Amino acid sequence: MVFPSPVVILSIVAVAMAGLAYFATQGQPPTEREVTPVATTPSETTTSTPSSMPTTKPKPTKPPVDKGKVYVEVYNNSGVTGLAGRIGDTATQAGWQVVGTDNWYGSIPASTVYYPPALKRAARALALDLGIGRTALAVDPMKRDRLTVILTSDHA
């Protein structure tokens, strides 16, 4: 007589146990969703003892970007007439200091806010204000004291 392998026997037992557990818990609400409120009444004899666990200091929050102090140039690299002017007006209304709009000649893959390293946070904020999903480090011939927005047909 040949006996089945222990792995086969254990597999059959595991499937049977899972089936029993399924039928035994069917129709019951899940226990992990139950929330029990805790009473917050202070006890009469509370003594504060120093905690042995170190307290963590909150991370300092960076101040918001001062949009009025950041120069912005907006360029049109699409076939849409007046796109740079319209987006420049939008940036001005959002509080940015737009110092010029013009056409850009070259190949840009998608609308992008270009920034010098010191203005990375400002570039992200401007991209959010204008609905542009791409930021990148500035390249020549872009000026290093301002943000450069180049719009393509994906932003028209």
N, C-alpha and C. Protein backbone atom coordinates (compact mmCIF):
# COMPACT_ATOMS: atom_id res chain seq x y z
N MET A 1 0.83 -1.17 0.00
CA MET A 1 0.00 0.00 0.00
C MET A 1 0.88 1.24 0.00
N VAL A 2 0.51 2.26 -0.80
CA VAL A 2 1.29 3.48 -0.94
C VAL A 2 0.55 4.60 -0.20
N PHE A 3 1.29 5.29 0.66
CA PHE A 3 0.72 6.42 1.41
C PHE A 3 1.00 7.73 0.67
N PRO A 4 0.05 8.67 0.70
CA PRO A 4 0.30 9.96 0.05
C PRO A 4 1.39 10.74 0.78
N SER A 5 2.01 11.64 0.09
CA SER A 5 3.10 12.41 0.68
C SER A 5 2.57 13.33 1.77
N PRO A 6 3.38 13.69 2.75
CA PRO A 6 2.94 14.58 3.83
C PRO A 6 2.52 15.96 3.30
N VAL A 7 3.10 16.40 2.21
CA VAL A 7 2.73 17.70 1.65
C VAL A 7 1.30 17.66 1.14
N VAL A 8 0.91 16.58 0.51
CA VAL A 8 -0.44 16.46 0.00
C VAL A 8 -1.43 16.43 1.16
N ILE A 9 -1.10 15.69 2.19
CA ILE A 9 -1.98 15.60 3.36
C ILE A 9 -2.13 16.97 4.01
N LEU A 10 -1.03 17.69 4.20
CA LEU A 10 -1.09 19.02 4.81
C LEU A 10 -1.88 19.98 3.94
N SER A 11 -1.75 19.88 2.63
CA SER A 11 -2.51 20.74 1.72
C SER A 11 -4.00 20.50 1.85
N ILE A 12 -4.40 19.25 1.92
CA ILE A 12 -5.81 18.92 2.06
C ILE A 12 -6.35 19.44 3.39
N VAL A 13 -5.58 19.29 4.46
CA VAL A 13 -6.00 19.76 5.77
C VAL A 13 -6.11 21.29 5.76
N ALA A 14 -5.18 22.00 5.12
CA ALA A 14 -5.21 23.46 5.07
C ALA A 14 -6.44 23.95 4.31
N VAL A 15 -6.78 23.31 3.19
CA VAL A 15 -7.94 23.71 2.41
C VAL A 15 -9.21 23.46 3.23
N ALA A 16 -9.27 22.35 3.92
CA ALA A 16 -10.44 22.04 4.74
C ALA A 16 -10.59 23.05 5.88
N MET A 17 -9.51 23.44 6.52
CA MET A 17 -9.55 24.43 7.61
C MET A 17 -9.98 25.80 7.07
N ALA A 18 -9.50 26.17 5.91
CA ALA A 18 -9.88 27.45 5.32
C ALA A 18 -11.37 27.45 4.99
N GLY A 19 -11.87 26.34 4.48
CA GLY A 19 -13.29 26.25 4.17
C GLY A 19 -14.14 26.35 5.42
N LEU A 20 -13.72 25.68 6.49
CA LEU A 20 -14.44 25.77 7.77
C LEU A 20 -14.43 27.20 8.31
N ALA A 21 -13.28 27.86 8.23
CA ALA A 21 -13.18 29.23 8.72
C ALA A 21 -14.08 30.16 7.90
N TYR A 22 -14.15 29.94 6.61
CA TYR A 22 -15.00 30.76 5.75
C TYR A 22 -16.46 30.63 6.14
N PHE A 23 -16.94 29.40 6.29
CA PHE A 23 -18.33 29.20 6.64
C PHE A 23 -18.65 29.61 8.07
N ALA A 24 -17.70 29.51 8.97
CA ALA A 24 -17.93 29.88 10.37
C ALA A 24 -18.03 31.40 10.53
N THR A 25 -17.34 32.17 9.68
CA THR A 25 -17.34 33.63 9.83
C THR A 25 -18.25 34.32 8.82
N GLN A 26 -18.93 33.58 8.02
CA GLN A 26 -19.80 34.17 7.00
C GLN A 26 -20.97 34.89 7.67
N GLY A 27 -21.25 36.13 7.22
CA GLY A 27 -22.38 36.89 7.73
C GLY A 27 -22.05 37.72 8.96
N GLN A 28 -20.85 37.65 9.48
CA GLN A 28 -20.46 38.45 10.64
C GLN A 28 -19.76 39.72 10.16
N PRO A 29 -20.00 40.84 10.83
CA PRO A 29 -19.31 42.08 10.41
C PRO A 29 -17.82 41.96 10.73
N PRO A 30 -17.00 42.57 9.93
CA PRO A 30 -15.55 42.50 10.18
C PRO A 30 -15.21 43.24 11.47
N THR A 31 -14.36 42.66 12.26
CA THR A 31 -14.01 43.24 13.55
C THR A 31 -13.03 44.39 13.42
N GLU A 32 -12.26 44.46 12.35
CA GLU A 32 -11.28 45.52 12.23
C GLU A 32 -11.91 46.88 11.95
N ARG A 33 -13.20 46.93 11.64
CA ARG A 33 -13.86 48.19 11.36
C ARG A 33 -14.59 48.75 12.58
N GLU A 34 -14.61 48.02 13.65
CA GLU A 34 -15.30 48.50 14.84
C GLU A 34 -14.44 49.54 15.54
N VAL A 35 -15.05 50.67 15.89
CA VAL A 35 -14.35 51.73 16.58
C VAL A 35 -15.07 51.97 17.89
N THR A 36 -14.35 51.87 18.98
CA THR A 36 -14.95 52.12 20.27
C THR A 36 -14.40 53.42 20.82
N PRO A 37 -15.29 54.38 21.14
CA PRO A 37 -14.81 55.65 21.67
C PRO A 37 -14.24 55.46 23.07
N VAL A 38 -13.23 56.24 23.36
CA VAL A 38 -12.58 56.19 24.65
C VAL A 38 -13.00 57.43 25.43
N ALA A 39 -13.44 57.23 26.65
CA ALA A 39 -13.83 58.35 27.49
C ALA A 39 -12.60 59.17 27.83
N THR A 40 -12.75 60.47 27.77
CA THR A 40 -11.61 61.34 28.04
C THR A 40 -11.80 62.10 29.34
N THR A 41 -12.16 61.40 30.40
CA THR A 41 -12.30 62.05 31.71
C THR A 41 -10.97 61.95 32.43
N PRO A 42 -10.49 63.06 32.94
CA PRO A 42 -9.19 63.01 33.62
C PRO A 42 -9.32 62.31 34.96
N SER A 43 -8.32 61.56 35.29
CA SER A 43 -8.33 60.88 36.59
C SER A 43 -7.97 61.89 37.67
N GLU A 44 -8.37 61.60 38.89
CA GLU A 44 -8.17 62.55 39.99
C GLU A 44 -6.73 62.62 40.43
N THR A 45 -6.01 61.54 40.33
CA THR A 45 -4.63 61.54 40.80
C THR A 45 -3.70 61.34 39.62
N THR A 46 -3.53 62.37 38.86
CA THR A 46 -2.60 62.28 37.75
C THR A 46 -1.29 62.90 38.14
N THR A 47 -0.25 62.16 37.97
CA THR A 47 1.08 62.68 38.23
C THR A 47 1.85 62.55 36.93
N SER A 48 2.57 63.58 36.61
CA SER A 48 3.34 63.51 35.38
C SER A 48 4.73 62.99 35.70
N THR A 49 5.11 62.01 34.96
CA THR A 49 6.44 61.45 35.11
C THR A 49 7.18 61.70 33.82
N PRO A 50 8.44 62.01 33.92
CA PRO A 50 9.19 62.27 32.70
C PRO A 50 9.25 61.02 31.82
N SER A 51 9.06 61.22 30.59
CA SER A 51 9.06 60.11 29.65
C SER A 51 10.50 59.74 29.30
N SER A 52 10.73 58.46 29.20
CA SER A 52 12.08 58.02 28.85
C SER A 52 12.28 58.04 27.35
N MET A 53 11.19 58.22 26.60
CA MET A 53 11.31 58.25 25.15
C MET A 53 11.66 59.67 24.71
N PRO A 54 12.59 59.81 23.79
CA PRO A 54 12.94 61.16 23.33
C PRO A 54 11.80 61.75 22.52
N THR A 55 11.64 63.05 22.67
CA THR A 55 10.60 63.71 21.90
C THR A 55 11.17 64.10 20.55
N THR A 56 10.35 63.98 19.53
CA THR A 56 10.81 64.35 18.21
C THR A 56 10.41 65.79 17.93
N LYS A 57 11.32 66.52 17.39
CA LYS A 57 11.06 67.92 17.07
C LYS A 57 10.34 67.97 15.73
N PRO A 58 9.34 68.81 15.62
CA PRO A 58 8.66 68.93 14.32
C PRO A 58 9.61 69.54 13.30
N LYS A 59 9.46 69.09 12.06
CA LYS A 59 10.30 69.64 10.99
C LYS A 59 9.91 71.10 10.77
N PRO A 60 10.91 71.95 10.61
CA PRO A 60 10.56 73.34 10.35
C PRO A 60 9.94 73.46 8.96
N THR A 61 8.88 74.23 8.89
CA THR A 61 8.22 74.41 7.61
C THR A 61 8.90 75.55 6.87
N LYS A 62 9.05 75.37 5.58
CA LYS A 62 9.68 76.40 4.78
C LYS A 62 8.66 77.49 4.52
N PRO A 63 9.13 78.73 4.51
CA PRO A 63 8.18 79.82 4.26
C PRO A 63 7.63 79.72 2.84
N PRO A 64 6.43 80.21 2.64
CA PRO A 64 5.86 80.15 1.29
C PRO A 64 6.67 81.00 0.32
N VAL A 65 6.59 80.64 -0.95
CA VAL A 65 7.31 81.37 -1.98
C VAL A 65 6.70 82.76 -2.13
N ASP A 66 7.55 83.78 -2.14
CA ASP A 66 7.08 85.15 -2.36
C ASP A 66 7.02 85.38 -3.87
N LYS A 67 5.85 85.13 -4.43
CA LYS A 67 5.67 85.17 -5.89
C LYS A 67 6.03 86.52 -6.48
N GLY A 68 5.76 87.59 -5.77
CA GLY A 68 6.02 88.94 -6.28
C GLY A 68 7.49 89.26 -6.45
N LYS A 69 8.37 88.47 -5.85
CA LYS A 69 9.81 88.72 -5.95
C LYS A 69 10.50 87.80 -6.96
N VAL A 70 9.73 86.94 -7.62
CA VAL A 70 10.32 86.00 -8.57
C VAL A 70 10.00 86.46 -9.99
N TYR A 71 11.05 86.68 -10.78
CA TYR A 71 10.87 87.06 -12.17
C TYR A 71 10.48 85.84 -13.00
N VAL A 72 9.57 86.05 -13.95
CA VAL A 72 9.09 84.97 -14.80
C VAL A 72 9.06 85.46 -16.24
N GLU A 73 9.60 84.64 -17.14
CA GLU A 73 9.48 84.88 -18.57
C GLU A 73 8.66 83.75 -19.16
N VAL A 74 7.73 84.06 -20.06
CA VAL A 74 6.84 83.07 -20.66
C VAL A 74 7.07 83.08 -22.16
N TYR A 75 7.32 81.88 -22.72
CA TYR A 75 7.58 81.74 -24.15
C TYR A 75 6.58 80.78 -24.78
N ASN A 76 6.23 81.08 -26.02
CA ASN A 76 5.30 80.25 -26.79
C ASN A 76 6.12 79.39 -27.76
N ASN A 77 6.00 78.08 -27.66
CA ASN A 77 6.66 77.15 -28.56
C ASN A 77 5.61 76.29 -29.26
N SER A 78 4.40 76.86 -29.41
CA SER A 78 3.32 76.14 -30.08
C SER A 78 2.87 76.95 -31.29
N GLY A 79 1.94 76.45 -32.02
CA GLY A 79 1.39 77.19 -33.15
C GLY A 79 0.21 78.06 -32.77
N VAL A 80 -0.05 78.19 -31.50
CA VAL A 80 -1.21 78.96 -31.02
C VAL A 80 -0.80 80.41 -30.81
N THR A 81 -1.39 81.30 -31.55
CA THR A 81 -1.08 82.72 -31.46
C THR A 81 -1.56 83.28 -30.12
N GLY A 82 -0.68 84.02 -29.45
CA GLY A 82 -1.04 84.70 -28.20
C GLY A 82 -1.03 83.83 -26.96
N LEU A 83 -0.56 82.59 -27.06
CA LEU A 83 -0.58 81.69 -25.90
C LEU A 83 0.31 82.21 -24.78
N ALA A 84 1.51 82.68 -25.10
CA ALA A 84 2.41 83.19 -24.05
C ALA A 84 1.80 84.39 -23.34
N GLY A 85 1.14 85.27 -24.08
CA GLY A 85 0.51 86.43 -23.46
C GLY A 85 -0.61 86.05 -22.51
N ARG A 86 -1.45 85.09 -22.93
CA ARG A 86 -2.55 84.65 -22.06
C ARG A 86 -2.03 83.99 -20.79
N ILE A 87 -1.04 83.11 -20.93
CA ILE A 87 -0.50 82.42 -19.75
C ILE A 87 0.28 83.40 -18.88
N GLY A 88 0.93 84.38 -19.51
CA GLY A 88 1.61 85.42 -18.73
C GLY A 88 0.63 86.21 -17.89
N ASP A 89 -0.53 86.53 -18.48
CA ASP A 89 -1.57 87.22 -17.72
C ASP A 89 -2.07 86.37 -16.55
N THR A 90 -2.23 85.07 -16.80
CA THR A 90 -2.66 84.16 -15.74
C THR A 90 -1.65 84.15 -14.60
N ALA A 91 -0.37 84.11 -14.95
CA ALA A 91 0.69 84.11 -13.93
C ALA A 91 0.69 85.43 -13.16
N THR A 92 0.49 86.53 -13.85
CA THR A 92 0.43 87.83 -13.18
C THR A 92 -0.74 87.90 -12.21
N GLN A 93 -1.88 87.40 -12.63
CA GLN A 93 -3.06 87.39 -11.75
C GLN A 93 -2.84 86.50 -10.53
N ALA A 94 -1.99 85.47 -10.66
CA ALA A 94 -1.68 84.59 -9.53
C ALA A 94 -0.62 85.19 -8.61
N GLY A 95 -0.08 86.38 -8.99
CA GLY A 95 0.86 87.05 -8.11
C GLY A 95 2.31 87.00 -8.55
N TRP A 96 2.62 86.36 -9.67
CA TRP A 96 3.99 86.25 -10.16
C TRP A 96 4.38 87.54 -10.88
N GLN A 97 5.68 87.83 -10.90
CA GLN A 97 6.18 89.02 -11.57
C GLN A 97 6.65 88.64 -12.98
N VAL A 98 5.74 88.71 -13.94
CA VAL A 98 6.06 88.36 -15.32
C VAL A 98 6.77 89.56 -15.95
N VAL A 99 8.00 89.32 -16.45
CA VAL A 99 8.80 90.41 -17.00
C VAL A 99 8.90 90.34 -18.51
N GLY A 100 8.29 89.33 -19.13
CA GLY A 100 8.32 89.28 -20.58
C GLY A 100 7.64 88.05 -21.14
N THR A 101 7.11 88.21 -22.36
CA THR A 101 6.53 87.10 -23.10
C THR A 101 7.04 87.20 -24.53
N ASP A 102 7.24 86.03 -25.17
CA ASP A 102 7.76 86.02 -26.53
C ASP A 102 7.60 84.62 -27.10
N ASN A 103 8.14 84.43 -28.29
CA ASN A 103 8.15 83.10 -28.90
C ASN A 103 9.48 82.41 -28.61
N TRP A 104 9.44 81.09 -28.53
CA TRP A 104 10.64 80.28 -28.32
C TRP A 104 10.86 79.44 -29.56
N TYR A 105 12.09 79.45 -30.02
CA TYR A 105 12.43 78.66 -31.20
C TYR A 105 13.33 77.53 -30.78
N GLY A 106 12.91 76.33 -31.03
CA GLY A 106 13.65 75.14 -30.63
C GLY A 106 12.67 74.01 -30.42
N SER A 107 13.17 72.91 -29.93
CA SER A 107 12.33 71.72 -29.74
C SER A 107 12.19 71.44 -28.25
N ILE A 108 10.99 71.57 -27.75
CA ILE A 108 10.68 71.30 -26.34
C ILE A 108 9.65 70.17 -26.33
N PRO A 109 9.86 69.10 -25.55
CA PRO A 109 8.95 67.95 -25.58
C PRO A 109 7.56 68.23 -25.00
N ALA A 110 7.47 69.08 -23.99
CA ALA A 110 6.19 69.38 -23.34
C ALA A 110 6.33 70.71 -22.62
N SER A 111 5.21 71.33 -22.30
CA SER A 111 5.24 72.59 -21.55
C SER A 111 6.03 72.37 -20.26
N THR A 112 6.95 73.30 -20.00
CA THR A 112 7.90 73.11 -18.90
C THR A 112 8.19 74.44 -18.22
N VAL A 113 8.38 74.38 -16.90
CA VAL A 113 8.89 75.52 -16.13
C VAL A 113 10.36 75.22 -15.85
N TYR A 114 11.25 76.02 -16.41
CA TYR A 114 12.69 75.86 -16.19
C TYR A 114 13.13 76.78 -15.06
N TYR A 115 14.04 76.30 -14.23
CA TYR A 115 14.44 77.05 -13.05
C TYR A 115 15.93 76.92 -12.79
N PRO A 116 16.55 77.97 -12.19
CA PRO A 116 17.89 77.81 -11.65
C PRO A 116 17.77 77.09 -10.31
N PRO A 117 18.83 76.44 -9.83
CA PRO A 117 18.72 75.65 -8.59
C PRO A 117 18.13 76.40 -7.40
N ALA A 118 18.39 77.68 -7.28
CA ALA A 118 17.89 78.44 -6.13
C ALA A 118 16.37 78.64 -6.17
N LEU A 119 15.75 78.46 -7.33
CA LEU A 119 14.31 78.72 -7.46
C LEU A 119 13.50 77.45 -7.70
N LYS A 120 13.98 76.33 -7.25
CA LYS A 120 13.29 75.06 -7.48
C LYS A 120 11.88 75.05 -6.86
N ARG A 121 11.76 75.49 -5.61
CA ARG A 121 10.44 75.52 -4.96
C ARG A 121 9.50 76.47 -5.67
N ALA A 122 10.02 77.61 -6.11
CA ALA A 122 9.20 78.58 -6.84
C ALA A 122 8.73 77.99 -8.17
N ALA A 123 9.58 77.21 -8.82
CA ALA A 123 9.21 76.59 -10.10
C ALA A 123 8.06 75.61 -9.90
N ARG A 124 8.11 74.85 -8.84
CA ARG A 124 7.01 73.91 -8.57
C ARG A 124 5.71 74.66 -8.29
N ALA A 125 5.80 75.76 -7.55
CA ALA A 125 4.60 76.54 -7.24
C ALA A 125 4.03 77.16 -8.51
N LEU A 126 4.89 77.69 -9.37
CA LEU A 126 4.42 78.29 -10.62
C LEU A 126 3.80 77.22 -11.52
N ALA A 127 4.42 76.05 -11.58
CA ALA A 127 3.87 74.97 -12.40
C ALA A 127 2.47 74.59 -11.90
N LEU A 128 2.28 74.55 -10.60
CA LEU A 128 0.95 74.26 -10.05
C LEU A 128 -0.04 75.36 -10.41
N ASP A 129 0.38 76.62 -10.30
CA ASP A 129 -0.51 77.73 -10.62
C ASP A 129 -0.94 77.72 -12.08
N LEU A 130 -0.05 77.28 -12.97
CA LEU A 130 -0.34 77.31 -14.40
C LEU A 130 -0.84 75.98 -14.95
N GLY A 131 -0.86 74.95 -14.13
CA GLY A 131 -1.32 73.64 -14.60
C GLY A 131 -0.31 72.95 -15.49
N ILE A 132 0.97 73.20 -15.25
CA ILE A 132 2.04 72.58 -16.03
C ILE A 132 2.62 71.44 -15.21
N GLY A 133 2.74 70.28 -15.81
CA GLY A 133 3.19 69.10 -15.08
C GLY A 133 4.67 68.81 -15.14
N ARG A 134 5.46 69.70 -15.71
CA ARG A 134 6.88 69.38 -15.90
C ARG A 134 7.74 70.57 -15.47
N THR A 135 8.77 70.30 -14.66
CA THR A 135 9.78 71.30 -14.31
C THR A 135 11.15 70.71 -14.63
N ALA A 136 12.11 71.58 -14.93
CA ALA A 136 13.47 71.12 -15.25
C ALA A 136 14.46 72.24 -14.95
N LEU A 137 15.71 71.86 -14.76
CA LEU A 137 16.76 72.84 -14.54
C LEU A 137 16.93 73.70 -15.79
N ALA A 138 17.21 74.97 -15.59
CA ALA A 138 17.41 75.90 -16.70
C ALA A 138 18.67 75.52 -17.47
N VAL A 139 18.62 75.77 -18.76
CA VAL A 139 19.75 75.51 -19.65
C VAL A 139 20.05 76.79 -20.43
N ASP A 140 21.22 76.86 -21.05
CA ASP A 140 21.55 78.03 -21.86
C ASP A 140 20.62 78.09 -23.06
N PRO A 141 20.14 79.19 -23.42
CA PRO A 141 20.45 80.58 -23.09
C PRO A 141 19.53 81.19 -22.04
N MET A 142 18.93 80.39 -21.20
CA MET A 142 17.99 80.90 -20.19
C MET A 142 18.75 81.66 -19.10
N LYS A 143 18.11 82.70 -18.58
CA LYS A 143 18.73 83.50 -17.53
C LYS A 143 18.65 82.75 -16.21
N ARG A 144 19.66 82.95 -15.37
CA ARG A 144 19.77 82.20 -14.11
C ARG A 144 19.17 82.91 -12.91
N ASP A 145 18.47 84.02 -13.13
CA ASP A 145 17.87 84.74 -12.01
C ASP A 145 16.35 84.72 -12.06
N ARG A 146 15.77 83.86 -12.91
CA ARG A 146 14.33 83.86 -13.09
C ARG A 146 13.84 82.50 -13.57
N LEU A 147 12.53 82.35 -13.53
CA LEU A 147 11.89 81.15 -14.05
C LEU A 147 11.55 81.38 -15.52
N THR A 148 11.73 80.34 -16.32
CA THR A 148 11.41 80.42 -17.74
C THR A 148 10.33 79.40 -18.05
N VAL A 149 9.19 79.86 -18.53
CA VAL A 149 8.09 78.98 -18.89
C VAL A 149 8.08 78.86 -20.40
N ILE A 150 8.15 77.63 -20.91
CA ILE A 150 8.03 77.40 -22.34
C ILE A 150 6.79 76.54 -22.57
N LEU A 151 5.87 77.07 -23.34
CA LEU A 151 4.58 76.41 -23.58
C LEU A 151 4.59 75.72 -24.94
N THR A 152 4.10 74.51 -24.96
CA THR A 152 3.95 73.78 -26.21
C THR A 152 2.47 73.57 -26.49
N SER A 153 2.17 72.87 -27.56
CA SER A 153 0.78 72.69 -27.94
C SER A 153 -0.02 71.87 -26.93
N ASP A 154 0.66 71.16 -26.01
CA ASP A 154 -0.08 70.39 -24.98
C ASP A 154 -0.74 71.30 -23.95
N HIS A 155 -0.36 72.57 -23.94
CA HIS A 155 -0.93 73.52 -22.96
C HIS A 155 -1.92 74.49 -23.61
N ALA A 156 -2.13 74.30 -24.90
CA ALA A 156 -3.05 75.20 -25.60
C ALA A 156 -4.42 74.82 -25.23
